[in-house]
N, C-alpha and C. Protein backbone atom coordinates (compact mmCIF):
# COMPACT_ATOMS: atom_id res chain seq x y z
N UNK A 1 117.14 129.56 44.34
CA UNK A 1 116.73 131.01 44.23
C UNK A 1 116.52 131.63 45.70
N UNK A 2 117.06 132.54 46.09
CA UNK A 2 116.84 133.12 47.37
C UNK A 2 116.16 134.48 47.29
N UNK A 3 115.26 134.82 48.16
CA UNK A 3 114.39 136.08 48.13
C UNK A 3 114.37 136.55 49.41
N UNK A 4 114.41 137.90 49.53
CA UNK A 4 114.11 138.53 50.71
C UNK A 4 112.51 139.15 50.66
N UNK A 5 111.82 138.70 51.79
CA UNK A 5 110.38 139.13 51.83
C UNK A 5 110.36 139.93 53.12
N UNK A 6 109.82 141.19 53.02
CA UNK A 6 109.60 141.84 54.22
C UNK A 6 108.51 141.51 55.03
N UNK A 7 108.68 141.48 56.21
CA UNK A 7 107.67 141.00 57.24
C UNK A 7 107.18 142.15 58.20
N UNK A 8 105.98 142.46 58.20
CA UNK A 8 105.49 143.67 59.00
C UNK A 8 105.41 143.23 60.53
N UNK A 9 105.09 144.21 61.27
CA UNK A 9 105.08 144.14 62.72
C UNK A 9 103.93 143.23 63.10
N UNK A 10 102.97 142.87 62.38
CA UNK A 10 101.75 141.94 62.69
C UNK A 10 102.46 140.65 63.07
N UNK A 11 103.71 140.22 62.66
CA UNK A 11 104.31 139.02 62.96
C UNK A 11 105.33 139.07 64.07
N UNK A 12 105.42 140.37 64.65
CA UNK A 12 106.24 140.49 65.90
C UNK A 12 107.76 140.43 65.76
N UNK A 13 108.11 140.73 64.37
CA UNK A 13 109.58 140.53 64.07
C UNK A 13 110.22 141.96 63.99
N UNK A 14 111.40 142.11 64.55
CA UNK A 14 112.06 143.43 64.54
C UNK A 14 112.50 143.52 63.07
N UNK A 15 112.96 142.60 62.32
CA UNK A 15 113.41 142.54 61.01
C UNK A 15 113.11 141.28 60.46
N UNK A 16 113.08 141.38 59.03
CA UNK A 16 112.69 140.14 58.37
C UNK A 16 113.77 138.96 58.54
N UNK A 17 113.34 137.66 58.43
CA UNK A 17 114.35 136.58 58.41
C UNK A 17 115.57 136.89 57.48
N UNK A 18 116.71 136.36 57.80
CA UNK A 18 117.80 136.58 56.88
C UNK A 18 117.64 136.19 55.43
N UNK A 19 117.06 135.10 55.14
CA UNK A 19 116.73 134.85 53.66
C UNK A 19 115.76 133.66 53.65
N UNK A 20 114.88 133.63 52.59
CA UNK A 20 113.95 132.77 52.39
C UNK A 20 114.26 132.04 51.12
N UNK A 21 114.30 130.67 51.22
CA UNK A 21 114.70 129.96 50.03
C UNK A 21 113.38 129.49 49.39
N UNK A 22 113.32 129.63 48.15
CA UNK A 22 112.07 129.15 47.43
C UNK A 22 112.56 128.19 46.42
N UNK A 23 111.89 127.02 46.16
CA UNK A 23 112.16 126.16 45.20
C UNK A 23 110.89 125.89 44.38
N UNK A 24 111.13 125.71 43.04
CA UNK A 24 109.84 125.44 42.26
C UNK A 24 110.07 124.17 41.58
N UNK A 25 109.02 123.61 41.28
CA UNK A 25 109.12 122.27 40.55
C UNK A 25 109.51 122.46 39.08
N UNK A 26 110.23 121.53 38.51
CA UNK A 26 110.52 121.72 37.13
C UNK A 26 111.92 122.04 36.93
N UNK A 27 112.31 122.80 35.75
CA UNK A 27 113.66 122.97 35.49
C UNK A 27 114.23 124.22 36.14
N UNK A 28 113.51 124.89 36.93
CA UNK A 28 114.14 126.07 37.45
C UNK A 28 113.91 127.34 36.80
N UNK A 29 113.30 127.21 35.52
CA UNK A 29 112.92 128.38 34.60
C UNK A 29 111.56 128.67 34.76
N UNK A 30 111.14 129.85 35.12
CA UNK A 30 109.84 130.16 35.15
C UNK A 30 108.93 129.72 33.91
N UNK A 31 107.89 128.94 34.25
CA UNK A 31 107.16 128.36 33.08
C UNK A 31 106.10 129.42 32.68
N UNK A 32 105.64 129.15 31.39
CA UNK A 32 104.52 130.04 31.04
C UNK A 32 103.30 129.64 31.61
N UNK A 33 102.50 130.57 32.19
CA UNK A 33 101.43 130.14 32.94
C UNK A 33 100.10 130.07 32.02
N UNK A 34 99.32 129.01 32.17
CA UNK A 34 98.12 129.04 31.53
C UNK A 34 97.17 128.35 32.47
N UNK A 35 95.98 128.05 32.15
CA UNK A 35 95.03 127.31 32.96
C UNK A 35 95.41 125.97 33.40
N UNK A 36 96.34 125.17 32.53
CA UNK A 36 96.74 123.93 32.97
C UNK A 36 98.14 123.82 33.80
N UNK A 37 98.78 124.94 33.87
CA UNK A 37 100.15 124.96 34.59
C UNK A 37 99.92 124.98 36.05
N UNK A 38 100.67 124.19 36.83
CA UNK A 38 100.65 124.13 38.26
C UNK A 38 102.12 124.34 38.72
N UNK A 39 102.15 125.07 39.81
CA UNK A 39 103.59 125.36 40.35
C UNK A 39 103.46 125.17 41.81
N UNK A 40 104.48 124.72 42.45
CA UNK A 40 104.65 124.48 43.88
C UNK A 40 105.68 125.36 44.40
N UNK A 41 105.49 126.04 45.43
CA UNK A 41 106.57 126.83 46.12
C UNK A 41 106.71 126.40 47.57
N UNK A 42 108.04 126.22 48.10
CA UNK A 42 108.25 125.86 49.39
C UNK A 42 109.10 126.94 50.05
N UNK A 43 108.63 127.60 51.13
CA UNK A 43 109.31 128.71 51.73
C UNK A 43 109.88 128.29 53.11
N UNK A 44 111.03 128.60 53.28
CA UNK A 44 111.76 128.16 54.52
C UNK A 44 112.66 129.40 55.09
N UNK A 45 112.62 129.64 56.39
CA UNK A 45 113.51 130.65 56.80
C UNK A 45 114.78 130.08 57.11
N UNK A 46 115.78 130.85 56.95
CA UNK A 46 117.32 130.32 57.38
C UNK A 46 117.80 131.12 58.42
N UNK A 47 118.82 130.73 59.19
CA UNK A 47 119.55 131.31 60.06
C UNK A 47 119.14 130.94 61.53
N UNK A 48 119.57 131.69 62.49
CA UNK A 48 119.36 131.62 63.91
C UNK A 48 118.11 132.09 64.40
N UNK A 49 118.25 132.92 65.32
CA UNK A 49 116.99 133.44 66.12
C UNK A 49 116.14 134.30 65.09
N UNK A 50 114.85 134.30 65.21
CA UNK A 50 113.89 134.99 64.41
C UNK A 50 113.60 136.22 65.21
N UNK A 51 113.59 136.21 66.61
CA UNK A 51 113.38 137.39 67.40
C UNK A 51 114.46 137.85 68.08
N UNK A 52 115.43 138.76 67.46
CA UNK A 52 116.65 139.00 68.01
C UNK A 52 116.55 140.16 69.17
N UNK A 53 115.38 140.82 69.46
CA UNK A 53 115.36 141.87 70.35
C UNK A 53 114.00 142.17 71.02
N UNK A 54 112.90 141.63 70.77
CA UNK A 54 111.59 141.97 71.29
C UNK A 54 111.37 141.01 72.55
N UNK A 55 111.20 141.82 73.69
CA UNK A 55 110.77 141.12 74.89
C UNK A 55 111.56 140.03 75.31
N UNK A 56 112.93 140.04 75.20
CA UNK A 56 113.81 138.92 75.31
C UNK A 56 113.72 138.50 76.89
N UNK A 57 113.19 139.24 77.89
CA UNK A 57 113.22 138.89 79.22
C UNK A 57 112.05 137.71 79.51
N UNK A 58 111.10 137.66 78.52
CA UNK A 58 110.05 136.56 78.63
C UNK A 58 110.55 135.26 78.01
N UNK A 59 110.06 134.12 78.56
CA UNK A 59 110.27 132.77 78.09
C UNK A 59 109.94 132.59 76.66
N UNK A 60 108.60 133.06 76.29
CA UNK A 60 108.12 132.90 75.02
C UNK A 60 107.21 134.06 74.74
N UNK A 61 107.48 134.71 73.64
CA UNK A 61 106.74 135.93 73.27
C UNK A 61 105.48 135.48 72.45
N UNK A 62 104.31 135.62 73.14
CA UNK A 62 103.12 135.22 72.45
C UNK A 62 102.12 136.52 72.59
N UNK A 63 101.47 136.94 71.50
CA UNK A 63 100.59 138.09 71.54
C UNK A 63 99.18 137.48 71.14
N UNK A 64 98.16 138.07 71.81
CA UNK A 64 96.76 137.85 71.61
C UNK A 64 96.05 138.91 71.07
N UNK A 65 95.05 138.73 70.12
CA UNK A 65 94.22 139.74 69.56
C UNK A 65 92.80 139.22 69.59
N UNK A 66 91.90 140.07 70.22
CA UNK A 66 90.51 139.59 70.27
C UNK A 66 89.84 140.10 69.08
N UNK A 67 89.02 139.23 68.36
CA UNK A 67 88.29 139.62 67.19
C UNK A 67 86.83 139.18 67.46
N UNK A 68 85.90 139.89 67.04
CA UNK A 68 84.50 139.48 67.25
C UNK A 68 83.98 138.58 66.18
N UNK A 69 84.56 138.57 64.95
CA UNK A 69 84.08 137.65 63.90
C UNK A 69 85.00 136.66 63.55
N UNK A 70 84.96 135.48 64.20
CA UNK A 70 85.91 134.37 63.80
C UNK A 70 85.11 133.14 63.89
N UNK A 71 85.44 132.19 62.96
CA UNK A 71 84.76 130.92 62.92
C UNK A 71 85.22 130.08 64.07
N UNK A 72 86.35 130.06 64.51
CA UNK A 72 86.75 129.20 65.64
C UNK A 72 87.10 130.11 66.92
N UNK A 73 86.92 129.53 68.12
CA UNK A 73 87.20 130.29 69.29
C UNK A 73 88.79 130.78 69.45
N UNK A 74 89.66 129.99 68.86
CA UNK A 74 90.99 130.38 69.05
C UNK A 74 91.77 129.86 67.82
N UNK A 75 92.60 130.67 67.16
CA UNK A 75 93.48 130.35 66.02
C UNK A 75 94.79 130.89 66.30
N UNK A 76 95.89 129.97 66.22
CA UNK A 76 97.26 130.30 66.44
C UNK A 76 97.93 130.44 65.09
N UNK A 77 98.58 131.52 64.79
CA UNK A 77 99.23 131.83 63.64
C UNK A 77 100.88 131.70 63.86
N UNK A 78 101.53 131.06 63.00
CA UNK A 78 103.00 130.84 63.23
C UNK A 78 103.76 132.20 63.04
N UNK A 79 104.73 132.35 63.84
CA UNK A 79 105.79 133.52 63.69
C UNK A 79 107.17 133.03 63.55
N UNK A 80 107.41 131.72 63.65
CA UNK A 80 108.76 131.35 63.54
C UNK A 80 109.22 130.85 62.18
N UNK A 81 108.29 130.76 61.32
CA UNK A 81 108.45 130.43 59.87
C UNK A 81 108.82 128.87 59.83
N UNK A 82 108.59 128.05 60.76
CA UNK A 82 109.12 126.64 60.77
C UNK A 82 107.92 125.68 60.69
N UNK A 83 106.65 126.27 60.70
CA UNK A 83 105.52 125.35 60.76
C UNK A 83 105.25 124.60 59.56
N UNK A 84 104.82 123.33 59.75
CA UNK A 84 104.48 122.69 58.54
C UNK A 84 103.18 122.81 58.05
N UNK A 85 102.48 123.60 58.81
CA UNK A 85 101.00 124.01 58.55
C UNK A 85 101.04 125.55 58.33
N UNK A 86 102.13 126.18 57.89
CA UNK A 86 102.21 127.65 57.69
C UNK A 86 101.10 128.09 56.90
N UNK A 87 100.26 129.14 57.21
CA UNK A 87 100.60 130.11 58.20
C UNK A 87 100.08 129.80 59.61
N UNK A 88 99.49 128.53 59.76
CA UNK A 88 99.06 128.11 61.17
C UNK A 88 100.14 127.60 61.99
N UNK A 89 100.14 127.80 63.26
CA UNK A 89 101.19 127.21 64.16
C UNK A 89 100.92 125.80 64.34
N UNK A 90 101.90 125.02 64.40
CA UNK A 90 101.94 123.68 64.71
C UNK A 90 102.84 123.17 65.82
N UNK A 91 103.32 124.27 66.60
CA UNK A 91 104.14 124.10 67.72
C UNK A 91 105.69 123.95 67.36
N UNK A 92 105.93 124.14 66.12
CA UNK A 92 107.44 124.07 65.59
C UNK A 92 108.37 125.06 66.33
N UNK A 93 107.84 126.13 66.92
CA UNK A 93 108.64 127.21 67.65
C UNK A 93 109.37 126.55 68.81
N UNK A 94 108.88 125.49 69.41
CA UNK A 94 109.31 124.85 70.66
C UNK A 94 110.66 124.36 70.24
N UNK A 95 110.79 123.52 69.19
CA UNK A 95 112.10 122.97 68.77
C UNK A 95 113.00 124.10 68.29
N UNK A 96 112.48 125.13 67.64
CA UNK A 96 113.25 126.31 67.11
C UNK A 96 113.97 126.89 68.32
N UNK A 97 113.14 127.19 69.38
CA UNK A 97 113.52 127.92 70.49
C UNK A 97 114.57 127.24 71.22
N UNK A 98 114.38 125.83 71.37
CA UNK A 98 115.59 125.11 72.18
C UNK A 98 116.77 125.02 71.15
N UNK A 99 116.60 124.99 69.92
CA UNK A 99 117.94 124.98 69.05
C UNK A 99 118.64 126.26 68.96
N UNK A 100 117.97 127.34 69.17
CA UNK A 100 118.50 128.66 68.89
C UNK A 100 118.66 129.61 70.04
N UNK A 101 117.88 129.13 71.23
CA UNK A 101 117.91 130.06 72.33
C UNK A 101 116.84 131.16 72.25
N UNK A 102 116.09 131.10 71.13
CA UNK A 102 115.00 132.15 70.81
C UNK A 102 113.92 132.08 71.75
N UNK A 103 113.03 132.95 71.67
CA UNK A 103 111.73 132.92 72.48
C UNK A 103 110.56 133.38 71.72
N UNK A 104 110.48 133.04 70.42
CA UNK A 104 109.41 133.30 69.55
C UNK A 104 108.32 132.41 69.88
N UNK A 105 107.10 132.89 69.82
CA UNK A 105 105.74 132.25 70.13
C UNK A 105 104.78 132.47 69.00
N UNK A 106 103.57 131.99 69.01
CA UNK A 106 102.57 132.19 68.11
C UNK A 106 101.75 133.51 68.23
N UNK A 107 101.09 133.97 67.19
CA UNK A 107 100.12 134.88 67.45
C UNK A 107 98.71 134.30 67.62
N UNK A 108 98.07 134.62 68.57
CA UNK A 108 96.76 134.04 69.01
C UNK A 108 95.55 134.94 68.66
N UNK A 109 94.71 134.55 67.72
CA UNK A 109 93.57 135.21 67.50
C UNK A 109 92.39 134.71 68.34
N UNK A 110 91.66 135.37 69.15
CA UNK A 110 90.71 134.90 70.07
C UNK A 110 89.25 135.40 69.78
N UNK A 111 88.41 134.59 69.73
CA UNK A 111 86.97 135.16 69.40
C UNK A 111 86.37 135.67 70.70
N UNK A 112 85.84 137.04 70.47
CA UNK A 112 85.31 137.60 71.59
C UNK A 112 83.97 137.06 72.03
C-alpha cells in the first residue's frame, strides 16, 4: 500500500517525498483493533532527492532552533526520511546525499 503524506515546512522540504510505502504485519487486511491487537508500520521514502530546490548552493542544509525547555543540550531530527531511529537523525543523510547528489541535513534543536 502506498500513501502520500504531506510534510510541512518544519522539515525543510519544498514538497513531500514522492511516495511513502507502508507495510503492515499480517494478511494486509486491516485488523479489527482491540486491547490485544498489535500492528507494526514501517515507513520509507522512495525516489531521489528529498531537497530539490532549497539552498542548493550549500554543501548540507542544516537548520537550528534554540529552545529554552529541552531535556538534552542538542537533539537532531531527521529530514531525509532514511534514519533507522526516525524521527531522530542517525546520520543516514550522509549516504543519501552521496547516492543522490542531494544536500539534506538534520534539524537541530539546541537548548538555550
